[in-house]
Amino acid sequence: MQRDDRSYLLDMLVAAGDAIAYLEGLSYADFERNREKQRAIFNAVQEIGEAASRITPEFRDAHPAIPWRKIVGMRNRLVHAYFDIELDLVWDTVRNDLPALTDRIEALASEADE
């Protein structure tokens, strides 16, 4: 079955929600020490990037406010440079960038639904 852009947007939303939930109640020091949480969050961020990479170029071009290349770039970094991951960058992304991205993606998914 062929998946459409809306399906990938929904995948991004689910994974972003997971990543945000995994950090809930954790301090940065807790995150640094907890490999299980790190791996769960890395996986969720990878899923966001993988879904973003499958969004059609036409849809991405129509929505340049979403940092598509950065999202996919972070996924690539986590997948291919996993021995050189900057935890503070992942922490900052999940804490500060994902909530706003989630809001934007929700709006786009609703728009794509119409």
Protein backbone atom coordinates (compact mmCIF):
# COMPACT_ATOMS: atom_id res chain seq x y z
CA MET A 1 0.00 0.00 0.00
CA GLN A 2 1.32 3.39 -1.01
CA ARG A 3 1.68 5.82 1.85
CA ASP A 4 1.05 9.52 1.41
CA ASP A 5 2.57 12.64 2.93
CA ARG A 6 -0.09 12.80 5.63
CA SER A 7 0.83 9.28 6.78
CA TYR A 8 4.45 10.32 7.16
CA LEU A 9 3.42 13.49 9.00
CA LEU A 10 1.45 11.34 11.43
CA ASP A 11 4.50 9.08 11.87
CA MET A 12 6.52 12.18 12.73
CA LEU A 13 3.92 13.26 15.29
CA VAL A 14 3.85 9.89 17.03
CA ALA A 15 7.64 9.68 17.22
CA ALA A 16 7.95 13.30 18.41
CA GLY A 17 5.37 12.64 21.12
CA ASP A 18 7.31 9.60 22.21
CA ALA A 19 10.61 11.48 22.37
CA ILE A 20 9.08 14.30 24.40
CA ALA A 21 7.42 11.82 26.77
CA TYR A 22 10.68 9.89 27.27
CA LEU A 23 12.35 13.04 28.59
CA GLU A 24 9.51 14.01 30.86
CA GLY A 25 10.69 14.42 34.43
CA LEU A 26 14.36 13.86 33.57
CA SER A 27 17.16 16.27 34.27
CA TYR A 28 20.00 16.52 31.81
CA ALA A 29 22.22 14.66 34.29
CA ASP A 30 19.67 11.83 34.44
CA PHE A 31 19.56 11.73 30.65
CA GLU A 32 23.36 11.54 30.44
CA ARG A 33 23.41 8.53 32.75
CA ASN A 34 20.44 6.65 31.33
CA ARG A 35 21.43 4.72 28.19
CA GLU A 36 17.97 3.20 27.92
CA LYS A 37 16.34 6.64 27.67
CA GLN A 38 19.05 7.80 25.28
CA ARG A 39 18.47 4.89 22.94
CA ALA A 40 14.71 5.29 23.07
CA ILE A 41 15.01 8.98 22.25
CA PHE A 42 17.58 8.38 19.51
CA ASN A 43 15.20 5.87 17.94
CA ALA A 44 12.27 8.29 18.07
CA VAL A 45 14.34 11.09 16.53
CA GLN A 46 15.54 8.69 13.83
CA GLU A 47 11.92 7.81 13.06
CA ILE A 48 11.07 11.50 12.71
CA GLY A 49 13.92 11.96 10.26
CA GLU A 50 13.10 8.82 8.31
CA ALA A 51 9.47 9.88 7.91
CA ALA A 52 10.57 13.40 6.91
CA SER A 53 12.86 11.95 4.26
CA ARG A 54 9.89 10.20 2.68
CA ILE A 55 7.75 13.32 2.39
CA THR A 56 7.47 14.23 -1.28
CA PRO A 57 9.72 17.02 -2.54
CA GLU A 58 6.63 18.93 -3.67
CA PHE A 59 5.18 18.91 -0.16
CA ARG A 60 8.50 19.91 1.40
CA ASP A 61 8.91 22.74 -1.11
CA ALA A 62 5.39 23.95 -0.33
CA HIS A 63 6.25 24.13 3.39
CA PRO A 64 9.72 25.68 3.68
CA ALA A 65 9.16 26.78 7.28
CA ILE A 66 9.78 23.18 8.35
CA PRO A 67 13.52 22.51 8.53
CA TRP A 68 13.27 19.28 6.50
CA ARG A 69 16.99 19.04 5.72
CA LYS A 70 17.97 19.54 9.36
CA ILE A 71 15.47 16.93 10.49
CA VAL A 72 16.79 14.38 8.02
CA GLY A 73 20.36 15.45 8.81
CA MET A 74 19.88 14.72 12.50
CA ARG A 75 18.51 11.29 11.62
CA ASN A 76 21.55 10.62 9.46
CA ARG A 77 23.88 11.75 12.21
CA LEU A 78 22.26 9.44 14.76
CA VAL A 79 22.32 6.49 12.38
CA HIS A 80 25.78 6.91 10.88
CA ALA A 81 27.79 8.65 13.59
CA TYR A 82 26.40 6.93 16.65
CA PHE A 83 29.77 6.91 18.41
CA ASP A 84 29.95 10.68 18.11
CA ILE A 85 26.48 11.79 19.20
CA GLU A 86 26.29 15.09 21.03
CA LEU A 87 23.86 14.39 23.86
CA ASP A 88 23.35 18.07 24.58
CA LEU A 89 22.23 18.64 20.99
CA VAL A 90 19.72 15.79 21.19
CA TRP A 91 18.50 17.05 24.57
CA ASP A 92 18.10 20.59 23.24
CA THR A 93 16.30 19.39 20.12
CA VAL A 94 13.79 17.28 22.02
CA ARG A 95 13.23 19.84 24.77
CA ASN A 96 13.15 23.01 22.69
CA ASP A 97 12.54 22.20 19.04
CA LEU A 98 10.19 19.21 18.99
CA PRO A 99 7.24 20.87 20.77
CA ALA A 100 7.15 23.67 18.16
CA LEU A 101 7.74 21.22 15.33
CA THR A 102 4.88 19.09 16.63
CA ASP A 103 2.55 22.10 16.49
CA ARG A 104 3.55 22.82 12.90
CA ILE A 105 3.25 19.20 11.81
CA GLU A 106 -0.19 18.88 13.44
CA ALA A 107 -1.36 21.88 11.42
CA LEU A 108 0.06 20.43 8.21
CA ALA A 109 -1.50 17.02 8.87
CA SER A 110 -4.89 18.67 9.41
CA GLU A 111 -4.41 20.69 6.23
CA ALA A 112 -3.43 17.57 4.28
CA ASP A 113 -6.53 15.83 5.63
CA GLU A 114 -8.82 18.43 4.05
